[in-house]
Amino acid sequence: MCIRDRVRAASVDVGRPAPWWRVVQVVQLVAVVAAVLSLVWLVVQGVASLTSIDLPDLGSVGPVPTAAVVLVVALLGGPLLAVVSGVAARAGARRKAQRADEALRSAIGSTASERVVAPVEGELDRYGTYRSGIADALS
């Protein structure tokens, strides 16, 4: 097996994202959509309060409208999720890099032993046999 094939076989799927990353992307998308919709709703409520348009009441959390709470949670939760997932991604990347390093070093080591060390040892053995034959012939 050539070195290229051994390196390919040693692949640890470093290009494939971790399964949890999709969940983080979906949660971040939901946070962005929630923030935009909440902001739009608050603007519409503000405009409606200046006119005679009646909008449905979304309720409130204490004295704060629900849309404002959702907006604040989305605006604070998105960056917090980005920081936490960044830390987790770096930790996962370190583990993947370590596995890739070990697999690649193993593939390179076995190929070097097979393609370089074994032939050189064979030549050294033949040379030793030659030298001992010459020594025997001279004595």
N, C-alpha and C. Protein backbone atom coordinates (compact mmCIF):
# COMPACT_ATOMS: atom_id res chain seq x y z
N MET A 1 0.86 -1.17 0.00
CA MET A 1 0.00 0.00 0.00
C MET A 1 0.91 1.24 0.00
N CYS A 2 0.63 2.19 -0.87
CA CYS A 2 1.47 3.39 -0.94
C CYS A 2 1.10 4.37 0.17
N ILE A 3 1.99 5.33 0.38
CA ILE A 3 1.80 6.29 1.49
C ILE A 3 0.50 7.06 1.32
N ARG A 4 0.16 7.41 0.10
CA ARG A 4 -1.07 8.16 -0.16
C ARG A 4 -2.29 7.38 0.33
N ASP A 5 -2.31 6.08 0.03
CA ASP A 5 -3.43 5.25 0.47
C ASP A 5 -3.47 5.11 1.98
N ARG A 6 -2.29 5.01 2.60
CA ARG A 6 -2.26 4.89 4.06
C ARG A 6 -2.71 6.19 4.73
N VAL A 7 -2.33 7.30 4.15
CA VAL A 7 -2.77 8.59 4.72
C VAL A 7 -4.28 8.72 4.58
N ARG A 8 -4.81 8.33 3.42
CA ARG A 8 -6.27 8.37 3.25
C ARG A 8 -6.97 7.45 4.24
N ALA A 9 -6.41 6.26 4.43
CA ALA A 9 -7.01 5.30 5.37
C ALA A 9 -6.94 5.81 6.80
N ALA A 10 -5.96 6.66 7.08
CA ALA A 10 -5.80 7.21 8.44
C ALA A 10 -6.72 8.41 8.67
N SER A 11 -7.51 8.77 7.70
CA SER A 11 -8.38 9.94 7.82
C SER A 11 -9.31 9.78 9.02
N VAL A 12 -9.48 10.86 9.75
CA VAL A 12 -10.37 10.84 10.92
C VAL A 12 -11.55 11.78 10.69
N ASP A 13 -11.88 12.00 9.44
CA ASP A 13 -13.01 12.87 9.08
C ASP A 13 -12.88 14.25 9.69
N VAL A 14 -11.72 14.86 9.52
CA VAL A 14 -11.50 16.18 10.11
C VAL A 14 -12.34 17.24 9.44
N GLY A 15 -12.80 17.01 8.23
CA GLY A 15 -13.60 18.01 7.53
C GLY A 15 -15.08 17.98 7.89
N ARG A 16 -15.51 16.94 8.55
CA ARG A 16 -16.93 16.81 8.89
C ARG A 16 -17.21 17.45 10.24
N PRO A 17 -18.20 18.34 10.31
CA PRO A 17 -18.50 18.98 11.60
C PRO A 17 -19.11 17.99 12.59
N ALA A 18 -18.99 18.33 13.85
CA ALA A 18 -19.56 17.50 14.91
C ALA A 18 -21.09 17.51 14.80
N PRO A 19 -21.74 16.43 15.19
CA PRO A 19 -23.20 16.36 15.08
C PRO A 19 -23.93 17.47 15.84
N TRP A 20 -23.39 17.91 16.97
CA TRP A 20 -24.07 18.95 17.76
C TRP A 20 -24.04 20.30 17.06
N TRP A 21 -23.16 20.46 16.08
CA TRP A 21 -23.03 21.75 15.42
C TRP A 21 -24.31 22.13 14.68
N ARG A 22 -25.01 21.17 14.10
CA ARG A 22 -26.28 21.44 13.42
C ARG A 22 -27.31 21.99 14.41
N VAL A 23 -27.34 21.42 15.60
CA VAL A 23 -28.28 21.90 16.62
C VAL A 23 -27.97 23.36 16.97
N VAL A 24 -26.69 23.67 17.13
CA VAL A 24 -26.29 25.04 17.45
C VAL A 24 -26.71 25.99 16.33
N GLN A 25 -26.52 25.58 15.09
CA GLN A 25 -26.90 26.42 13.96
C GLN A 25 -28.41 26.67 13.95
N VAL A 26 -29.19 25.65 14.23
CA VAL A 26 -30.64 25.81 14.25
C VAL A 26 -31.05 26.74 15.39
N VAL A 27 -30.46 26.56 16.56
CA VAL A 27 -30.80 27.41 17.71
C VAL A 27 -30.42 28.86 17.42
N GLN A 28 -29.25 29.07 16.79
CA GLN A 28 -28.85 30.44 16.45
C GLN A 28 -29.81 31.05 15.42
N LEU A 29 -30.23 30.25 14.46
CA LEU A 29 -31.18 30.75 13.47
C LEU A 29 -32.51 31.11 14.13
N VAL A 30 -32.96 30.26 15.03
CA VAL A 30 -34.21 30.55 15.76
C VAL A 30 -34.06 31.82 16.58
N ALA A 31 -32.90 32.03 17.20
CA ALA A 31 -32.67 33.24 17.99
C ALA A 31 -32.71 34.48 17.11
N VAL A 32 -32.11 34.41 15.94
CA VAL A 32 -32.12 35.56 15.03
C VAL A 32 -33.54 35.86 14.56
N VAL A 33 -34.26 34.82 14.18
CA VAL A 33 -35.65 35.01 13.72
C VAL A 33 -36.50 35.57 14.85
N ALA A 34 -36.33 35.04 16.07
CA ALA A 34 -37.10 35.52 17.22
C ALA A 34 -36.79 36.98 17.50
N ALA A 35 -35.52 37.35 17.42
CA ALA A 35 -35.13 38.74 17.68
C ALA A 35 -35.74 39.67 16.63
N VAL A 36 -35.66 39.28 15.38
CA VAL A 36 -36.21 40.14 14.31
C VAL A 36 -37.71 40.26 14.45
N LEU A 37 -38.40 39.12 14.66
CA LEU A 37 -39.86 39.17 14.78
C LEU A 37 -40.28 39.96 16.02
N SER A 38 -39.56 39.82 17.12
CA SER A 38 -39.90 40.58 18.33
C SER A 38 -39.71 42.06 18.10
N LEU A 39 -38.62 42.43 17.47
CA LEU A 39 -38.36 43.84 17.18
C LEU A 39 -39.44 44.41 16.26
N VAL A 40 -39.78 43.65 15.23
CA VAL A 40 -40.84 44.10 14.32
C VAL A 40 -42.15 44.25 15.08
N TRP A 41 -42.47 43.28 15.94
CA TRP A 41 -43.72 43.35 16.70
C TRP A 41 -43.73 44.58 17.62
N LEU A 42 -42.61 44.86 18.27
CA LEU A 42 -42.55 46.04 19.14
C LEU A 42 -42.72 47.33 18.34
N VAL A 43 -42.13 47.40 17.16
CA VAL A 43 -42.30 48.59 16.31
C VAL A 43 -43.75 48.71 15.86
N VAL A 44 -44.34 47.59 15.47
CA VAL A 44 -45.75 47.60 15.04
C VAL A 44 -46.64 48.01 16.22
N GLN A 45 -46.34 47.52 17.40
CA GLN A 45 -47.12 47.92 18.57
C GLN A 45 -46.99 49.42 18.84
N GLY A 46 -45.78 49.94 18.69
CA GLY A 46 -45.56 51.37 18.88
C GLY A 46 -46.35 52.20 17.88
N VAL A 47 -46.33 51.77 16.62
CA VAL A 47 -47.09 52.49 15.58
C VAL A 47 -48.58 52.34 15.85
N ALA A 48 -49.02 51.15 16.27
CA ALA A 48 -50.44 50.91 16.52
C ALA A 48 -50.94 51.74 17.70
N SER A 49 -50.06 52.00 18.66
CA SER A 49 -50.49 52.80 19.81
C SER A 49 -50.74 54.26 19.41
N LEU A 50 -50.13 54.69 18.31
CA LEU A 50 -50.35 56.06 17.82
C LEU A 50 -51.61 56.15 16.95
N THR A 51 -52.08 55.01 16.51
CA THR A 51 -53.28 54.98 15.67
C THR A 51 -54.37 54.23 16.42
N SER A 52 -55.44 53.99 15.74
CA SER A 52 -56.56 53.29 16.38
C SER A 52 -56.59 51.81 16.02
N ILE A 53 -55.46 51.26 15.56
CA ILE A 53 -55.41 49.85 15.19
C ILE A 53 -55.32 49.01 16.46
N ASP A 54 -56.15 47.96 16.52
CA ASP A 54 -56.11 47.04 17.65
C ASP A 54 -55.30 45.80 17.27
N LEU A 55 -54.29 45.52 18.05
CA LEU A 55 -53.47 44.32 17.84
C LEU A 55 -53.73 43.34 18.96
N PRO A 56 -53.55 42.06 18.69
CA PRO A 56 -53.72 41.09 19.77
C PRO A 56 -52.66 41.29 20.85
N ASP A 57 -53.02 41.01 22.06
CA ASP A 57 -52.10 41.17 23.18
C ASP A 57 -51.30 39.88 23.34
N LEU A 58 -49.97 39.98 23.29
CA LEU A 58 -49.11 38.81 23.45
C LEU A 58 -48.79 38.53 24.91
N GLY A 59 -49.30 39.36 25.78
CA GLY A 59 -49.06 39.18 27.20
C GLY A 59 -47.79 39.91 27.63
N SER A 60 -47.46 39.72 28.89
CA SER A 60 -46.27 40.38 29.41
C SER A 60 -45.67 39.54 30.53
N VAL A 61 -44.41 39.83 30.80
CA VAL A 61 -43.72 39.19 31.92
C VAL A 61 -43.51 40.31 32.92
N GLY A 62 -44.37 40.35 33.90
CA GLY A 62 -44.38 41.48 34.82
C GLY A 62 -44.82 42.71 34.04
N PRO A 63 -44.11 43.81 34.16
CA PRO A 63 -44.49 45.02 33.43
C PRO A 63 -43.90 45.06 32.01
N VAL A 64 -43.09 44.06 31.63
CA VAL A 64 -42.39 44.07 30.34
C VAL A 64 -43.15 43.22 29.33
N PRO A 65 -43.41 43.77 28.14
CA PRO A 65 -44.10 42.98 27.10
C PRO A 65 -43.31 41.73 26.73
N THR A 66 -44.01 40.66 26.40
CA THR A 66 -43.38 39.39 26.05
C THR A 66 -42.43 39.56 24.87
N ALA A 67 -42.81 40.37 23.88
CA ALA A 67 -41.94 40.57 22.72
C ALA A 67 -40.60 41.18 23.13
N ALA A 68 -40.61 42.07 24.11
CA ALA A 68 -39.35 42.67 24.58
C ALA A 68 -38.50 41.64 25.31
N VAL A 69 -39.12 40.77 26.08
CA VAL A 69 -38.39 39.72 26.77
C VAL A 69 -37.75 38.76 25.77
N VAL A 70 -38.54 38.39 24.76
CA VAL A 70 -38.01 37.50 23.73
C VAL A 70 -36.84 38.16 23.01
N LEU A 71 -36.96 39.44 22.70
CA LEU A 71 -35.89 40.17 22.03
C LEU A 71 -34.61 40.18 22.87
N VAL A 72 -34.73 40.48 24.16
CA VAL A 72 -33.56 40.54 25.03
C VAL A 72 -32.93 39.15 25.18
N VAL A 73 -33.76 38.13 25.37
CA VAL A 73 -33.24 36.76 25.52
C VAL A 73 -32.51 36.33 24.24
N ALA A 74 -33.09 36.63 23.10
CA ALA A 74 -32.46 36.26 21.83
C ALA A 74 -31.16 37.02 21.61
N LEU A 75 -31.15 38.31 21.95
CA LEU A 75 -29.95 39.12 21.75
C LEU A 75 -28.83 38.73 22.72
N LEU A 76 -29.17 38.30 23.92
CA LEU A 76 -28.15 37.86 24.87
C LEU A 76 -27.79 36.39 24.69
N GLY A 77 -28.78 35.57 24.36
CA GLY A 77 -28.55 34.13 24.21
C GLY A 77 -27.74 33.76 22.99
N GLY A 78 -27.92 34.50 21.89
CA GLY A 78 -27.17 34.20 20.67
C GLY A 78 -25.67 34.31 20.86
N PRO A 79 -25.18 35.45 21.36
CA PRO A 79 -23.74 35.56 21.59
C PRO A 79 -23.22 34.58 22.66
N LEU A 80 -24.03 34.34 23.69
CA LEU A 80 -23.62 33.38 24.72
C LEU A 80 -23.46 31.99 24.11
N LEU A 81 -24.41 31.61 23.27
CA LEU A 81 -24.34 30.32 22.59
C LEU A 81 -23.12 30.27 21.67
N ALA A 82 -22.80 31.37 21.01
CA ALA A 82 -21.63 31.43 20.13
C ALA A 82 -20.34 31.21 20.93
N VAL A 83 -20.26 31.82 22.10
CA VAL A 83 -19.05 31.66 22.94
C VAL A 83 -18.93 30.22 23.42
N VAL A 84 -20.01 29.66 23.94
CA VAL A 84 -19.98 28.30 24.46
C VAL A 84 -19.68 27.30 23.35
N SER A 85 -20.32 27.46 22.20
CA SER A 85 -20.06 26.52 21.11
C SER A 85 -18.66 26.71 20.54
N GLY A 86 -18.12 27.92 20.60
CA GLY A 86 -16.75 28.13 20.16
C GLY A 86 -15.76 27.39 21.05
N VAL A 87 -15.99 27.43 22.35
CA VAL A 87 -15.12 26.69 23.28
C VAL A 87 -15.23 25.19 23.01
N ALA A 88 -16.45 24.71 22.82
CA ALA A 88 -16.64 23.28 22.54
C ALA A 88 -16.01 22.89 21.21
N ALA A 89 -16.13 23.75 20.21
CA ALA A 89 -15.55 23.46 18.89
C ALA A 89 -14.03 23.40 18.97
N ARG A 90 -13.42 24.31 19.72
CA ARG A 90 -11.96 24.27 19.87
C ARG A 90 -11.51 23.00 20.58
N ALA A 91 -12.24 22.58 21.61
CA ALA A 91 -11.89 21.35 22.32
C ALA A 91 -12.02 20.15 21.38
N GLY A 92 -13.09 20.10 20.62
CA GLY A 92 -13.27 19.01 19.66
C GLY A 92 -12.20 19.03 18.58
N ALA A 93 -11.82 20.22 18.14
CA ALA A 93 -10.78 20.33 17.12
C ALA A 93 -9.44 19.82 17.64
N ARG A 94 -9.15 20.12 18.90
CA ARG A 94 -7.90 19.61 19.49
C ARG A 94 -7.91 18.07 19.53
N ARG A 95 -9.05 17.48 19.91
CA ARG A 95 -9.14 16.02 19.95
C ARG A 95 -8.98 15.43 18.55
N LYS A 96 -9.66 16.03 17.57
CA LYS A 96 -9.54 15.53 16.20
C LYS A 96 -8.12 15.68 15.69
N ALA A 97 -7.48 16.79 16.00
CA ALA A 97 -6.10 17.00 15.56
C ALA A 97 -5.17 15.97 16.18
N GLN A 98 -5.39 15.65 17.45
CA GLN A 98 -4.55 14.66 18.11
C GLN A 98 -4.75 13.29 17.48
N ARG A 99 -6.01 12.91 17.21
CA ARG A 99 -6.28 11.62 16.57
C ARG A 99 -5.67 11.57 15.17
N ALA A 100 -5.81 12.68 14.43
CA ALA A 100 -5.24 12.72 13.08
C ALA A 100 -3.72 12.62 13.14
N ASP A 101 -3.10 13.31 14.09
CA ASP A 101 -1.65 13.27 14.24
C ASP A 101 -1.18 11.85 14.54
N GLU A 102 -1.86 11.18 15.47
CA GLU A 102 -1.48 9.81 15.81
C GLU A 102 -1.65 8.86 14.63
N ALA A 103 -2.78 8.98 13.93
CA ALA A 103 -3.04 8.10 12.78
C ALA A 103 -2.04 8.35 11.66
N LEU A 104 -1.75 9.61 11.39
CA LEU A 104 -0.81 9.93 10.32
C LEU A 104 0.61 9.51 10.69
N ARG A 105 1.01 9.72 11.93
CA ARG A 105 2.35 9.29 12.36
C ARG A 105 2.48 7.77 12.26
N SER A 106 1.43 7.07 12.61
CA SER A 106 1.45 5.62 12.50
C SER A 106 1.57 5.18 11.04
N ALA A 107 0.78 5.81 10.17
CA ALA A 107 0.84 5.47 8.74
C ALA A 107 2.21 5.78 8.16
N ILE A 108 2.77 6.91 8.52
CA ILE A 108 4.09 7.29 8.01
C ILE A 108 5.16 6.37 8.58
N GLY A 109 5.05 6.05 9.87
CA GLY A 109 6.03 5.15 10.50
C GLY A 109 6.03 3.77 9.87
N SER A 110 4.85 3.20 9.65
CA SER A 110 4.81 1.86 9.05
C SER A 110 5.29 1.88 7.61
N THR A 111 4.97 2.93 6.88
CA THR A 111 5.45 3.04 5.50
C THR A 111 6.96 3.22 5.47
N ALA A 112 7.49 4.05 6.37
CA ALA A 112 8.94 4.24 6.43
C ALA A 112 9.65 2.94 6.79
N SER A 113 9.10 2.19 7.73
CA SER A 113 9.70 0.91 8.10
C SER A 113 9.70 -0.05 6.92
N GLU A 114 8.60 -0.09 6.22
CA GLU A 114 8.45 -1.01 5.10
C GLU A 114 9.29 -0.59 3.89
N ARG A 115 9.29 0.70 3.58
CA ARG A 115 9.93 1.18 2.35
C ARG A 115 11.38 1.63 2.52
N VAL A 116 11.78 2.00 3.72
CA VAL A 116 13.14 2.53 3.91
C VAL A 116 13.95 1.63 4.84
N VAL A 117 13.45 1.42 6.04
CA VAL A 117 14.23 0.71 7.06
C VAL A 117 14.46 -0.75 6.65
N ALA A 118 13.42 -1.46 6.24
CA ALA A 118 13.56 -2.87 5.87
C ALA A 118 14.54 -3.06 4.71
N PRO A 119 14.46 -2.28 3.63
CA PRO A 119 15.45 -2.46 2.56
C PRO A 119 16.88 -2.14 3.01
N VAL A 120 17.04 -1.10 3.84
CA VAL A 120 18.39 -0.77 4.32
C VAL A 120 18.91 -1.89 5.22
N GLU A 121 18.07 -2.42 6.10
CA GLU A 121 18.50 -3.53 6.95
C GLU A 121 18.87 -4.74 6.11
N GLY A 122 18.11 -5.00 5.04
CA GLY A 122 18.44 -6.10 4.13
C GLY A 122 19.80 -5.90 3.49
N GLU A 123 20.06 -4.69 3.05
CA GLU A 123 21.37 -4.39 2.46
C GLU A 123 22.49 -4.53 3.48
N LEU A 124 22.24 -4.06 4.72
CA LEU A 124 23.24 -4.20 5.77
C LEU A 124 23.51 -5.66 6.10
N ASP A 125 22.47 -6.49 6.10
CA ASP A 125 22.64 -7.92 6.33
C ASP A 125 23.49 -8.54 5.21
N ARG A 126 23.17 -8.17 3.97
CA ARG A 126 23.95 -8.69 2.85
C ARG A 126 25.42 -8.22 2.94
N TYR A 127 25.61 -6.98 3.34
CA TYR A 127 26.96 -6.44 3.49
C TYR A 127 27.71 -7.18 4.60
N GLY A 128 27.01 -7.47 5.71
CA GLY A 128 27.63 -8.23 6.80
C GLY A 128 28.03 -9.63 6.33
N THR A 129 27.15 -10.26 5.55
CA THR A 129 27.47 -11.58 5.01
C THR A 129 28.67 -11.49 4.08
N TYR A 130 28.73 -10.47 3.26
CA TYR A 130 29.84 -10.25 2.34
C TYR A 130 31.14 -10.06 3.12
N ARG A 131 31.09 -9.22 4.17
CA ARG A 131 32.29 -8.95 4.97
C ARG A 131 32.78 -10.22 5.66
N SER A 132 31.84 -10.99 6.20
CA SER A 132 32.27 -12.20 6.88
C SER A 132 32.83 -13.21 5.87
N GLY A 133 32.26 -13.23 4.66
CA GLY A 133 32.81 -14.10 3.61
C GLY A 133 34.22 -13.67 3.22
N ILE A 134 34.45 -12.37 3.07
CA ILE A 134 35.77 -11.84 2.76
C ILE A 134 36.75 -12.16 3.89
N ALA A 135 36.29 -11.98 5.13
CA ALA A 135 37.16 -12.26 6.31
C ALA A 135 37.52 -13.72 6.36
N ASP A 136 36.55 -14.60 6.07
CA ASP A 136 36.81 -16.04 6.06
C ASP A 136 37.80 -16.39 4.94
N ALA A 137 37.62 -15.74 3.78
CA ALA A 137 38.51 -16.04 2.66
C ALA A 137 39.94 -15.56 2.91
N LEU A 138 40.09 -14.47 3.66
CA LEU A 138 41.42 -13.96 3.95
C LEU A 138 42.12 -14.70 5.07
N SER A 139 41.39 -15.43 5.88
CA SER A 139 42.04 -16.10 6.98
C SER A 139 42.40 -17.53 6.68
